[in-house]
N, C-alpha and C. Protein backbone atom coordinates (compact mmCIF):
# COMPACT_ATOMS: atom_id res chain seq x y z
N UNK A 1 3.13 -29.94 22.12
CA UNK A 1 1.84 -28.97 21.46
C UNK A 1 1.82 -29.00 19.91
N UNK A 2 0.81 -29.27 19.42
CA UNK A 2 0.47 -29.35 18.09
C UNK A 2 -0.31 -28.12 17.27
N UNK A 3 0.61 -27.51 16.38
CA UNK A 3 0.05 -26.15 16.15
C UNK A 3 -0.22 -26.76 14.09
N UNK A 4 -1.32 -25.96 14.00
CA UNK A 4 -1.64 -26.09 12.92
C UNK A 4 -1.44 -24.71 12.17
N UNK A 5 -0.73 -25.16 11.06
CA UNK A 5 -0.19 -23.97 10.61
C UNK A 5 0.21 -24.25 8.87
N UNK A 6 -0.37 -23.02 8.42
CA UNK A 6 -0.52 -23.12 6.54
C UNK A 6 0.94 -22.52 6.02
N UNK A 7 1.68 -23.14 4.95
CA UNK A 7 2.33 -22.15 4.56
C UNK A 7 1.91 -22.38 2.92
N UNK A 8 1.82 -20.90 3.15
CA UNK A 8 1.45 -20.37 1.78
C UNK A 8 2.24 -19.39 1.30
N UNK A 9 3.19 -20.01 -0.14
CA UNK A 9 4.32 -19.46 -0.59
C UNK A 9 4.02 -19.12 -1.68
N UNK A 10 3.29 -19.73 -2.68
CA UNK A 10 3.20 -18.53 -4.24
C UNK A 10 1.93 -19.65 -5.10
N UNK A 11 1.78 -19.02 -5.98
CA UNK A 11 0.48 -19.50 -6.62
C UNK A 11 0.56 -20.80 -7.34
N UNK A 12 1.71 -21.45 -7.50
CA UNK A 12 2.16 -22.24 -8.59
C UNK A 12 1.91 -23.91 -7.54
N UNK A 13 1.15 -24.62 -8.05
CA UNK A 13 0.97 -26.24 -7.24
C UNK A 13 2.48 -26.34 -6.58
N UNK A 14 3.26 -26.31 -7.59
CA UNK A 14 4.67 -27.01 -6.98
C UNK A 14 5.16 -26.57 -6.08
N UNK A 15 4.78 -25.33 -5.64
CA UNK A 15 5.62 -24.21 -4.61
C UNK A 15 4.37 -24.14 -3.44
N UNK A 16 3.28 -24.70 -3.27
CA UNK A 16 2.20 -24.22 -2.23
C UNK A 16 2.21 -25.71 -1.43
N UNK A 17 2.61 -25.73 0.01
CA UNK A 17 2.59 -26.71 0.80
C UNK A 17 1.87 -26.27 1.93
N UNK A 18 0.92 -27.19 2.33
CA UNK A 18 -0.20 -26.64 3.30
C UNK A 18 -0.09 -27.82 4.24
N UNK A 19 -0.31 -27.89 5.47
CA UNK A 19 -1.33 -29.17 6.28
C UNK A 19 -0.58 -28.46 7.73
N UNK A 20 -0.11 -29.69 8.51
CA UNK A 20 -0.10 -29.85 10.28
C UNK A 20 0.90 -30.23 10.11
N UNK A 21 1.99 -29.89 11.39
CA UNK A 21 2.73 -30.28 11.83
C UNK A 21 3.04 -30.34 13.52
N UNK A 22 3.98 -31.21 13.98
CA UNK A 22 4.09 -30.91 15.72
C UNK A 22 5.39 -30.18 15.38
N UNK A 23 5.34 -29.19 15.86
CA UNK A 23 6.09 -27.91 16.33
C UNK A 23 6.83 -27.88 17.71
N UNK A 24 8.21 -27.98 17.78
CA UNK A 24 8.81 -27.87 19.22
C UNK A 24 9.31 -26.58 19.11
N UNK A 25 8.95 -25.42 19.99
CA UNK A 25 9.63 -24.43 20.53
C UNK A 25 9.35 -23.40 19.50
N UNK A 26 9.26 -22.15 19.64
CA UNK A 26 8.60 -20.92 18.60
C UNK A 26 9.00 -20.94 17.13
N UNK A 27 7.66 -20.84 16.33
CA UNK A 27 8.31 -20.62 14.94
C UNK A 27 9.32 -19.43 14.80
N UNK A 28 9.73 -20.04 13.48
CA UNK A 28 10.79 -18.53 13.09
C UNK A 28 10.04 -17.53 12.87
N UNK A 29 11.01 -16.20 12.90
CA UNK A 29 10.70 -14.99 12.92
C UNK A 29 10.37 -15.13 11.36
N UNK A 30 9.33 -14.21 10.84
CA UNK A 30 9.25 -14.11 9.45
C UNK A 30 9.98 -13.13 8.94
N UNK A 31 10.71 -13.26 7.58
CA UNK A 31 11.29 -12.02 7.19
C UNK A 31 10.73 -10.79 6.79
N UNK A 32 11.30 -9.52 7.82
CA UNK A 32 10.85 -8.28 7.18
C UNK A 32 10.83 -7.51 6.03
N UNK A 33 10.22 -6.81 5.22
CA UNK A 33 10.16 -6.40 4.05
C UNK A 33 9.49 -4.67 4.40
N UNK A 34 9.91 -3.84 4.05
CA UNK A 34 9.78 -2.43 3.92
C UNK A 34 9.08 -2.16 2.77
N UNK A 35 8.20 -1.00 2.94
CA UNK A 35 7.32 -0.69 1.90
C UNK A 35 8.43 1.14 1.05
N UNK A 36 9.37 0.80 0.58
CA UNK A 36 9.58 2.22 0.26
C UNK A 36 9.98 2.29 -1.15
N UNK A 37 9.02 2.67 -1.80
CA UNK A 37 8.84 2.85 -3.03
C UNK A 37 9.54 4.31 -3.92
N UNK A 38 10.44 4.07 -5.08
CA UNK A 38 11.09 5.02 -5.55
C UNK A 38 10.05 6.17 -5.74
N UNK A 39 10.43 7.24 -5.51
CA UNK A 39 9.72 8.10 -5.53
C UNK A 39 10.20 9.73 -6.65
N UNK A 40 9.54 10.16 -7.33
CA UNK A 40 10.23 11.32 -7.85
C UNK A 40 10.67 12.19 -7.28
N UNK A 41 11.40 13.45 -7.70
CA UNK A 41 12.04 14.48 -6.93
C UNK A 41 11.00 15.61 -7.34
N UNK A 42 11.63 16.59 -7.09
CA UNK A 42 10.13 18.22 -6.84
C UNK A 42 10.03 17.71 -9.02
N UNK A 43 8.37 18.17 -8.83
CA UNK A 43 7.43 17.72 -9.90
C UNK A 43 7.39 19.52 -10.53
N UNK A 44 7.11 19.06 -11.72
CA UNK A 44 6.32 20.81 -12.38
C UNK A 44 4.74 20.70 -11.96
N UNK A 45 4.72 22.25 -11.68
CA UNK A 45 3.40 22.97 -10.86
C UNK A 45 4.17 24.00 -10.25
N UNK A 46 3.19 24.71 -9.73
CA UNK A 46 3.22 25.87 -9.11
C UNK A 46 2.70 25.15 -7.52
N UNK A 47 3.72 26.12 -6.39
CA UNK A 47 3.33 25.69 -5.24
C UNK A 47 2.29 25.96 -4.83
N UNK A 48 1.84 25.49 -3.90
CA UNK A 48 0.27 25.84 -3.22
C UNK A 48 0.61 26.11 -1.48
N UNK A 49 -0.49 27.20 -1.52
CA UNK A 49 -0.34 28.21 -0.33
C UNK A 49 -1.43 27.15 0.93
N UNK A 50 -1.92 26.24 0.65
CA UNK A 50 -2.87 25.65 1.59
C UNK A 50 -1.94 24.22 2.20
N UNK A 51 -2.52 24.07 3.25
CA UNK A 51 -2.25 22.96 4.59
C UNK A 51 -2.78 21.44 4.05
N UNK A 52 -2.37 20.85 4.02
CA UNK A 52 -2.92 19.45 3.95
C UNK A 52 -2.33 18.08 4.86
N UNK A 53 -3.96 17.72 5.41
CA UNK A 53 -3.29 16.53 6.46
C UNK A 53 -3.98 15.31 6.14
N UNK A 54 -3.06 14.19 6.44
CA UNK A 54 -3.03 12.94 5.55
C UNK A 54 -3.93 12.06 6.43
N UNK A 55 -4.89 11.61 6.60
CA UNK A 55 -5.51 10.77 7.23
C UNK A 55 -4.83 9.38 7.23
N UNK A 56 -4.84 8.51 8.33
CA UNK A 56 -4.39 6.60 8.33
C UNK A 56 -5.25 6.29 7.22
N UNK A 57 -4.58 6.05 6.34
CA UNK A 57 -5.35 5.13 4.99
C UNK A 57 -6.30 4.20 5.81
N UNK A 58 -7.29 3.81 5.47
CA UNK A 58 -8.16 2.73 5.51
C UNK A 58 -8.09 1.54 4.39
N UNK A 59 -8.00 0.29 5.54
CA UNK A 59 -8.15 -1.11 4.53
C UNK A 59 -8.98 -1.91 4.88
N UNK A 60 -9.44 -2.61 4.36
CA UNK A 60 -10.23 -3.79 4.99
C UNK A 60 -9.55 -4.68 5.94
N UNK A 61 -10.14 -5.59 6.69
CA UNK A 61 -9.62 -6.33 7.56
C UNK A 61 -8.33 -7.49 6.81
N UNK A 62 -8.45 -7.66 6.09
CA UNK A 62 -7.70 -8.83 5.35
C UNK A 62 -6.30 -7.72 4.91
N UNK A 63 -6.29 -6.77 4.59
CA UNK A 63 -5.29 -5.86 3.95
C UNK A 63 -4.84 -5.24 5.25
N UNK A 64 -5.25 -4.65 6.48
CA UNK A 64 -5.30 -4.16 7.43
C UNK A 64 -3.94 -4.95 8.31
N UNK A 65 -2.89 -5.23 8.11
CA UNK A 65 -2.49 -6.26 9.03
C UNK A 65 -0.48 -6.11 8.36
N UNK A 66 0.57 -6.62 8.97
CA UNK A 66 1.75 -6.69 8.65
C UNK A 66 1.60 -7.34 7.42
N UNK A 67 0.81 -8.67 7.43
CA UNK A 67 1.27 -9.50 6.45
C UNK A 67 0.83 -9.39 5.10
N UNK A 68 1.53 -10.13 3.88
CA UNK A 68 1.65 -9.93 3.21
C UNK A 68 0.61 -10.66 1.93
N UNK A 69 -0.20 -9.58 1.36
CA UNK A 69 -1.42 -10.53 0.79
C UNK A 69 -0.99 -11.07 -0.77
N UNK A 70 -1.80 -12.11 -1.12
CA UNK A 70 -2.03 -12.63 -2.03
C UNK A 70 -3.08 -13.23 -2.40
N UNK A 71 -3.55 -13.25 -3.55
CA UNK A 71 -4.55 -13.70 -4.23
C UNK A 71 -4.62 -14.78 -5.21
N UNK A 72 -5.52 -15.64 -5.08
CA UNK A 72 -6.12 -16.73 -6.30
C UNK A 72 -7.47 -16.80 -6.63
N UNK A 73 -7.69 -17.32 -7.85
CA UNK A 73 -8.97 -17.11 -8.45
C UNK A 73 -9.77 -18.21 -7.72
N UNK A 74 -11.12 -17.81 -7.59
CA UNK A 74 -12.12 -16.65 -7.99
C UNK A 74 -11.58 -15.57 -6.95
N UNK A 75 -12.07 -16.10 -5.88
CA UNK A 75 -11.69 -14.79 -4.90
C UNK A 75 -10.76 -15.09 -3.38
N UNK A 76 -10.02 -16.25 -3.40
CA UNK A 76 -9.34 -16.42 -2.26
C UNK A 76 -7.81 -15.49 -2.00
N UNK A 77 -8.15 -15.15 -0.74
CA UNK A 77 -7.24 -14.48 0.05
C UNK A 77 -6.38 -15.32 1.00
N UNK A 78 -4.83 -15.30 0.48
CA UNK A 78 -4.09 -15.82 1.78
C UNK A 78 -2.56 -15.08 2.01
N UNK A 79 -1.70 -15.46 2.69
CA UNK A 79 -0.55 -14.78 2.88
C UNK A 79 0.71 -15.26 2.50
N UNK A 80 1.70 -14.62 2.26
CA UNK A 80 3.00 -15.32 1.75
C UNK A 80 3.66 -15.93 3.30
N UNK A 81 3.92 -16.88 3.91
CA UNK A 81 4.42 -17.48 4.79
C UNK A 81 5.79 -16.76 4.75
N UNK A 82 6.43 -17.03 6.24
CA UNK A 82 7.52 -16.70 6.82
C UNK A 82 8.24 -15.41 6.06
N UNK A 83 7.14 -14.40 5.78
CA UNK A 83 7.21 -12.97 5.27
C UNK A 83 6.49 -11.80 5.80
N UNK A 84 6.69 -10.71 5.99
CA UNK A 84 6.15 -9.59 6.65
C UNK A 84 6.50 -8.48 6.30
N UNK A 85 5.55 -7.37 6.35
CA UNK A 85 6.06 -6.10 6.32
C UNK A 85 6.71 -5.62 7.71
N UNK A 86 7.03 -4.72 7.70
CA UNK A 86 7.93 -4.13 9.12
C UNK A 86 6.72 -3.64 9.87
N UNK A 87 5.71 -3.24 9.48
CA UNK A 87 4.95 -2.78 10.18
C UNK A 87 3.46 -2.80 9.54
N UNK A 88 2.18 -2.63 9.82
CA UNK A 88 1.05 -2.63 9.40
C UNK A 88 0.84 -2.03 7.84
N UNK A 89 0.55 -2.33 7.01
CA UNK A 89 0.42 -1.80 5.62
C UNK A 89 -0.16 -0.66 5.71
N UNK A 90 -0.99 0.02 6.71
CA UNK A 90 -1.75 1.50 6.27
C UNK A 90 -0.47 2.39 7.09
N UNK A 91 -0.01 2.05 7.92
CA UNK A 91 1.26 2.87 8.50
C UNK A 91 2.09 2.50 7.70
N UNK A 92 2.60 1.89 7.13
CA UNK A 92 3.81 1.68 5.95
C UNK A 92 3.36 2.90 4.62
N UNK A 93 2.09 2.49 4.18
CA UNK A 93 1.64 3.31 2.94
C UNK A 93 1.30 4.58 3.50
N UNK A 94 1.04 5.31 4.86
CA UNK A 94 0.60 6.49 5.18
C UNK A 94 2.35 7.30 4.86
N UNK A 95 3.44 6.48 5.86
CA UNK A 95 5.06 6.94 5.67
C UNK A 95 5.38 7.29 3.91
N UNK A 96 5.23 6.41 3.16
CA UNK A 96 5.34 6.41 1.81
C UNK A 96 4.45 7.76 0.89
N UNK A 97 3.42 7.94 1.56
CA UNK A 97 2.71 9.05 0.79
C UNK A 97 2.80 10.28 1.52
N UNK A 98 3.07 10.58 2.74
CA UNK A 98 3.76 11.98 3.27
C UNK A 98 5.09 12.02 2.39
N UNK A 99 5.90 11.28 2.19
CA UNK A 99 7.36 11.39 1.78
C UNK A 99 7.02 11.73 0.56
N UNK A 100 6.09 11.25 -0.24
CA UNK A 100 5.64 11.83 -1.72
C UNK A 100 5.30 13.20 -1.76
N UNK A 101 4.29 13.70 -0.92
CA UNK A 101 4.14 15.19 -0.67
C UNK A 101 5.45 16.01 -0.36
N UNK A 102 5.70 15.35 0.25
CA UNK A 102 7.37 16.18 0.76
C UNK A 102 8.39 16.44 -0.35
N UNK A 103 8.70 15.26 -0.96
CA UNK A 103 9.53 15.35 -2.25
C UNK A 103 9.13 16.08 -3.16
N UNK A 104 7.47 16.34 -3.47
CA UNK A 104 7.39 16.80 -4.66
C UNK A 104 7.73 18.48 -4.64
N UNK A 105 7.98 18.87 -3.57
CA UNK A 105 8.75 20.46 -3.59
C UNK A 105 7.65 21.41 -3.70
N UNK A 106 6.40 20.89 -3.71
CA UNK A 106 5.23 21.89 -3.86
C UNK A 106 4.45 22.51 -2.83
N UNK A 107 4.54 22.03 -1.97
CA UNK A 107 3.62 21.88 -0.46
C UNK A 107 4.61 22.53 0.85
N UNK A 108 4.45 23.10 1.56
CA UNK A 108 5.27 23.48 2.89
C UNK A 108 4.57 22.72 3.62
N UNK A 109 3.41 22.94 3.81
CA UNK A 109 2.53 22.55 5.22
C UNK A 109 1.47 20.67 4.77
N UNK A 110 2.20 19.91 4.98
CA UNK A 110 1.69 18.80 5.26
C UNK A 110 1.96 17.52 6.29
N UNK A 111 1.06 17.01 6.92
CA UNK A 111 1.52 15.99 8.00
C UNK A 111 0.31 15.16 7.94
N UNK A 112 0.91 13.96 8.84
CA UNK A 112 -0.19 13.27 9.39
C UNK A 112 -1.24 13.62 10.26
N UNK A 113 -2.45 13.20 10.07
CA UNK A 113 -3.34 13.48 11.36
C UNK A 113 -2.73 13.21 12.66
N UNK A 114 -2.27 12.48 13.04
CA UNK A 114 -1.73 12.50 14.50
C UNK A 114 -1.07 13.62 14.76
N UNK A 115 -0.49 14.33 13.83
CA UNK A 115 0.19 15.55 14.49
C UNK A 115 -0.63 16.81 15.03
N UNK A 116 -1.74 16.67 14.35
CA UNK A 116 -3.02 17.60 14.71
C UNK A 116 -2.78 19.01 14.66
N UNK A 117 -2.21 19.29 13.40
CA UNK A 117 -1.39 20.69 12.95
C UNK A 117 -2.54 21.43 12.26
N UNK A 118 -2.88 22.65 12.28
CA UNK A 118 -3.96 23.26 11.30
C UNK A 118 -3.99 22.87 9.68
N UNK A 119 -5.23 22.91 9.13
CA UNK A 119 -5.16 22.28 8.03
C UNK A 119 -6.26 22.85 7.45
N UNK A 120 -6.27 22.74 6.07
CA UNK A 120 -7.05 23.43 5.12
C UNK A 120 -8.16 22.52 4.26
N UNK A 121 -7.22 21.47 4.16
CA UNK A 121 -7.72 20.05 3.65
C UNK A 121 -7.38 18.72 4.15
N UNK A 122 -8.15 17.79 4.44
CA UNK A 122 -7.81 16.10 4.84
C UNK A 122 -7.82 15.50 3.44
N UNK A 123 -6.98 14.57 3.51
CA UNK A 123 -6.67 13.76 1.97
C UNK A 123 -6.85 12.63 2.82
N UNK A 124 -8.20 11.34 2.40
CA UNK A 124 -8.61 10.39 2.85
C UNK A 124 -8.20 9.27 1.97
N UNK A 125 -7.50 7.97 2.10
CA UNK A 125 -7.63 7.49 1.09
C UNK A 125 -7.71 5.49 1.50
N UNK A 126 -8.71 5.20 0.92
CA UNK A 126 -8.85 3.92 0.92
C UNK A 126 -8.00 2.74 0.07
N UNK A 127 -7.04 2.08 0.91
CA UNK A 127 -6.27 0.46 -0.03
C UNK A 127 -7.64 -0.28 -0.08
N UNK A 128 -7.84 -0.21 -1.31
CA UNK A 128 -8.73 -1.19 -2.06
C UNK A 128 -8.17 -2.59 -2.35
N UNK A 129 -7.33 -2.55 -2.79
CA UNK A 129 -5.93 -3.54 -3.45
C UNK A 129 -4.65 -3.04 -2.90
N UNK A 130 -4.26 -4.20 -2.60
CA UNK A 130 -2.54 -4.47 -2.50
C UNK A 130 -2.23 -5.73 -2.07
N UNK A 131 -2.20 -6.32 -3.40
CA UNK A 131 -1.88 -7.70 -3.04
C UNK A 131 -1.18 -8.46 -4.32
N UNK A 132 -0.55 -9.65 -4.72
CA UNK A 132 0.09 -10.25 -5.65
C UNK A 132 -1.35 -11.08 -5.95
N UNK A 133 -1.41 -11.45 -7.04
CA UNK A 133 -2.56 -11.88 -7.82
C UNK A 133 -1.96 -12.97 -8.67
N UNK A 134 -2.34 -14.36 -8.49
CA UNK A 134 -1.49 -15.44 -8.97
C UNK A 134 -2.58 -16.06 -9.90
N UNK A 135 -2.70 -15.83 -11.15
CA UNK A 135 -3.85 -16.18 -12.29
C UNK A 135 -3.43 -17.64 -12.87
N UNK A 136 -4.53 -17.98 -13.39
CA UNK A 136 -4.04 -19.81 -13.70
C UNK A 136 -3.08 -20.06 -15.08
N UNK A 137 -2.08 -20.46 -14.98
CA UNK A 137 -1.29 -20.82 -16.10
C UNK A 137 0.30 -19.92 -15.82
N UNK A 138 -0.16 -18.82 -15.01
CA UNK A 138 1.17 -18.16 -15.05
C UNK A 138 1.88 -18.32 -13.59
N UNK A 139 3.28 -18.11 -13.54
CA UNK A 139 4.34 -18.24 -12.85
C UNK A 139 4.41 -17.14 -11.97
N UNK A 140 4.85 -16.07 -12.41
CA UNK A 140 5.77 -15.03 -11.40
C UNK A 140 3.88 -14.10 -11.35
N UNK A 141 3.99 -13.87 -10.19
CA UNK A 141 2.27 -13.09 -9.89
C UNK A 141 2.21 -11.63 -10.55
N UNK A 142 0.92 -11.05 -10.46
CA UNK A 142 0.74 -9.77 -10.90
C UNK A 142 0.55 -8.99 -9.42
N UNK A 143 1.22 -7.90 -9.37
CA UNK A 143 0.82 -6.86 -8.23
C UNK A 143 -0.13 -6.04 -8.50
N UNK A 144 -1.11 -5.77 -7.71
CA UNK A 144 -2.03 -4.93 -8.12
C UNK A 144 -2.42 -3.99 -6.77
N UNK A 145 -2.34 -2.73 -6.88
CA UNK A 145 -2.39 -1.89 -6.01
C UNK A 145 -3.61 -0.51 -6.60
N UNK A 146 -4.65 -0.49 -5.91
CA UNK A 146 -5.68 0.23 -6.28
C UNK A 146 -6.45 0.97 -4.93
N UNK A 147 -6.11 2.47 -5.21
CA UNK A 147 -5.74 3.41 -3.89
C UNK A 147 -7.31 4.13 -4.40
N UNK A 148 -8.58 4.60 -3.66
CA UNK A 148 -9.48 5.16 -3.94
C UNK A 148 -9.36 6.39 -2.91
N UNK A 149 -9.42 7.62 -3.27
CA UNK A 149 -8.80 8.79 -2.39
C UNK A 149 -10.39 10.07 -2.43
N UNK A 150 -10.26 10.54 -1.42
CA UNK A 150 -11.07 11.69 -1.09
C UNK A 150 -10.90 13.20 -0.88
N UNK A 151 -10.71 14.24 -1.08
CA UNK A 151 -10.10 15.50 -0.39
C UNK A 151 -11.49 16.21 0.31
N UNK A 152 -11.53 16.63 1.23
CA UNK A 152 -12.32 16.55 2.23
C UNK A 152 -12.01 17.96 2.45
N UNK A 153 -12.95 19.46 2.52
CA UNK A 153 -12.36 20.90 3.04
C UNK A 153 -12.49 20.71 4.42
N UNK A 154 -11.89 21.12 5.11
CA UNK A 154 -11.64 20.92 6.62
C UNK A 154 -12.35 21.83 7.42
N UNK A 155 -12.80 23.02 6.77
CA UNK A 155 -14.15 23.42 7.42
C UNK A 155 -15.01 23.27 7.24
N UNK A 156 -16.05 23.09 6.00
CA UNK A 156 -17.30 22.66 5.52
C UNK A 156 -17.48 21.51 5.79
N UNK A 157 -16.12 20.43 5.41
CA UNK A 157 -16.31 18.95 5.73
C UNK A 157 -17.05 18.27 4.88
N UNK A 158 -16.98 19.25 3.41
CA UNK A 158 -17.43 18.78 2.35
C UNK A 158 -16.53 18.06 1.32
N UNK A 159 -16.86 16.60 0.42
CA UNK A 159 -16.15 16.27 -0.27
C UNK A 159 -15.82 17.35 -1.78
N UNK A 160 -14.41 17.70 -1.97
CA UNK A 160 -14.70 18.25 -3.07
C UNK A 160 -13.96 18.07 -4.18
N UNK A 161 -13.08 16.42 -3.94
CA UNK A 161 -12.64 15.95 -5.17
C UNK A 161 -12.32 14.24 -4.58
N UNK A 162 -12.65 13.68 -5.74
CA UNK A 162 -12.79 11.89 -5.48
C UNK A 162 -11.96 11.19 -6.76
N UNK A 163 -10.97 10.03 -6.49
CA UNK A 163 -10.40 9.53 -7.97
C UNK A 163 -9.90 8.34 -7.40
N UNK A 164 -9.95 7.52 -7.85
CA UNK A 164 -8.82 6.24 -8.09
C UNK A 164 -7.57 6.23 -8.64
N UNK A 165 -6.51 5.56 -8.23
CA UNK A 165 -5.54 5.41 -8.68
C UNK A 165 -5.06 4.06 -8.62
N UNK A 166 -4.77 3.07 -9.84
CA UNK A 166 -4.15 2.12 -9.68
C UNK A 166 -3.18 1.57 -10.73
N UNK A 167 -2.43 0.44 -10.30
CA UNK A 167 -1.55 0.10 -11.21
C UNK A 167 -1.34 -1.03 -11.01
N UNK A 168 -0.72 -2.07 -11.95
CA UNK A 168 -0.38 -3.71 -11.64
C UNK A 168 1.20 -3.07 -12.70
N UNK A 169 1.70 -4.08 -11.48
CA UNK A 169 3.23 -5.00 -12.63
C UNK A 169 3.68 -6.15 -11.97
N UNK A 170 3.90 -6.72 -13.06
CA UNK A 170 4.04 -8.31 -13.43
C UNK A 170 5.60 -8.21 -12.37
N UNK A 171 5.68 -9.21 -11.49
CA UNK A 171 6.85 -9.38 -10.90
C UNK A 171 7.87 -10.31 -11.38
N UNK A 172 8.94 -9.96 -11.24
CA UNK A 172 10.01 -10.63 -12.23
C UNK A 172 10.37 -12.26 -12.12
N UNK A 173 9.81 -12.57 -10.92
CA UNK A 173 9.84 -13.78 -10.26
C UNK A 173 8.84 -14.71 -9.43
N UNK A 174 8.98 -15.73 -9.90
CA UNK A 174 7.80 -16.31 -8.33
C UNK A 174 8.30 -16.36 -7.19
N UNK A 175 9.12 -15.17 -6.44
CA UNK A 175 9.38 -15.45 -5.13
C UNK A 175 8.92 -14.39 -4.23
N UNK A 176 9.07 -14.50 -3.06
CA UNK A 176 8.32 -13.39 -2.27
C UNK A 176 9.03 -12.14 -2.33
N UNK A 177 10.36 -12.19 -2.51
CA UNK A 177 11.45 -10.70 -2.97
C UNK A 177 10.61 -10.08 -4.01
N UNK A 178 10.38 -11.06 -5.31
CA UNK A 178 10.33 -10.48 -6.43
C UNK A 178 8.52 -9.96 -6.13
N UNK A 179 7.55 -10.37 -5.54
CA UNK A 179 6.55 -10.11 -5.27
C UNK A 179 6.02 -8.99 -4.34
N UNK A 180 7.47 -8.55 -3.70
CA UNK A 180 7.35 -7.50 -2.81
C UNK A 180 7.98 -5.86 -3.61
N UNK A 181 8.77 -6.64 -4.47
CA UNK A 181 9.31 -5.15 -5.25
C UNK A 181 8.46 -5.06 -6.17
N UNK A 182 7.72 -5.59 -6.54
CA UNK A 182 6.28 -5.96 -7.69
C UNK A 182 5.28 -4.68 -7.00
N UNK A 183 4.93 -5.23 -5.65
CA UNK A 183 4.19 -4.08 -4.99
C UNK A 183 4.88 -2.80 -4.72
N UNK A 184 6.01 -2.77 -4.18
CA UNK A 184 6.59 -1.63 -4.09
C UNK A 184 6.38 -0.42 -5.20
N UNK A 185 7.19 -1.45 -6.19
CA UNK A 185 6.84 -0.71 -8.03
C UNK A 185 5.62 -0.25 -8.08
N UNK A 186 4.73 -0.69 -7.86
CA UNK A 186 3.03 -0.27 -8.30
C UNK A 186 2.55 0.76 -7.08
N UNK A 187 2.83 0.40 -6.04
CA UNK A 187 2.60 1.73 -5.19
C UNK A 187 3.52 2.87 -5.32
N UNK A 188 4.53 3.38 -5.69
CA UNK A 188 5.04 4.07 -6.10
C UNK A 188 4.48 4.59 -7.59
N UNK A 189 4.37 4.17 -8.52
CA UNK A 189 3.64 4.44 -9.80
C UNK A 189 2.25 5.42 -9.21
N UNK A 190 1.46 4.72 -8.42
CA UNK A 190 -0.17 5.13 -7.99
C UNK A 190 0.32 6.38 -7.20
N UNK A 191 1.39 6.58 -6.26
CA UNK A 191 1.50 7.92 -5.81
C UNK A 191 2.12 8.90 -6.94
N UNK A 192 2.48 8.06 -8.07
CA UNK A 192 3.34 9.29 -8.99
C UNK A 192 2.22 10.10 -9.41
N UNK A 193 0.81 9.48 -9.74
CA UNK A 193 -0.21 10.32 -10.09
C UNK A 193 -1.25 10.64 -9.34
N UNK A 194 -1.10 10.32 -7.97
CA UNK A 194 -1.98 10.62 -6.70
C UNK A 194 -1.52 12.30 -6.28
N UNK A 195 -0.77 12.41 -6.10
CA UNK A 195 0.33 13.93 -5.48
C UNK A 195 -0.03 14.51 -6.30
N UNK A 196 0.27 14.81 -7.74
CA UNK A 196 -0.08 15.51 -8.27
C UNK A 196 -1.70 16.14 -8.56
N UNK A 197 -2.30 15.14 -8.66
CA UNK A 197 -3.61 15.33 -8.70
C UNK A 197 -3.92 16.03 -7.69
N UNK A 198 -3.95 15.92 -6.41
CA UNK A 198 -4.45 16.64 -5.27
C UNK A 198 -3.93 17.95 -5.49
N UNK A 199 -2.39 18.34 -5.75
CA UNK A 199 -2.04 19.38 -5.94
C UNK A 199 -2.53 20.60 -6.93
N UNK A 200 -2.99 19.62 -8.24
CA UNK A 200 -3.23 20.72 -9.08
C UNK A 200 -4.96 20.92 -8.86
N UNK A 201 -5.80 20.27 -8.10
CA UNK A 201 -7.05 20.49 -8.03
C UNK A 201 -7.45 21.77 -7.69
N UNK A 202 -6.80 22.86 -7.62
CA UNK A 202 -6.84 23.99 -6.99
C UNK A 202 -7.72 23.94 -6.05
N UNK A 203 -7.16 24.23 -4.97
CA UNK A 203 -7.49 24.09 -3.43
C UNK A 203 -7.84 25.36 -2.97
N UNK A 204 -7.64 25.61 -1.69
CA UNK A 204 -8.12 26.89 -1.41
C UNK A 204 -6.80 27.70 -1.41
N UNK A 205 -6.74 29.07 -2.11
CA UNK A 205 -5.51 30.15 -2.26
C UNK A 205 -5.31 31.39 -1.22
């Protein structure tokens, strides 16, 4: 059986291999990576008395996957070979977002939408970017994370706040492990701004 397989590892030509090969037996399982960004502990600011529900983050088809994305200029989207997230990216992003709110110590009632809990606000997150960018002449990639968020009143269904949070982190090396570490750091940095923005914006009291 002939299987067409692209091997996409990094942006430097010496590390990119593509083509077809005759493969006997199953392909090796990819190495799995978790998304567990370092999150700050309890932050400054008053505790809020309203309940928040986190909707599952949205992502386009290229990012709504367990595959770890990379981009090349001008607009090419590829994935790292033999490596994957431990679940779909939106699922992992939601888990880390929930933990970030919990660790803030400022809100007692926060839950994913799947729980079906009573709520005052919904938080909708669009994952606009979550990939490592390989620029011409650069060895290590630049991890780019960009999140567009909307706070929606549960009763009126009106949008009461919108914002975009973005972070970029240069990977420490041209490797999958370094790229994942940079993406994780960038996501953690975006969450460190997103969470207090939501809690400080003066919801229902």
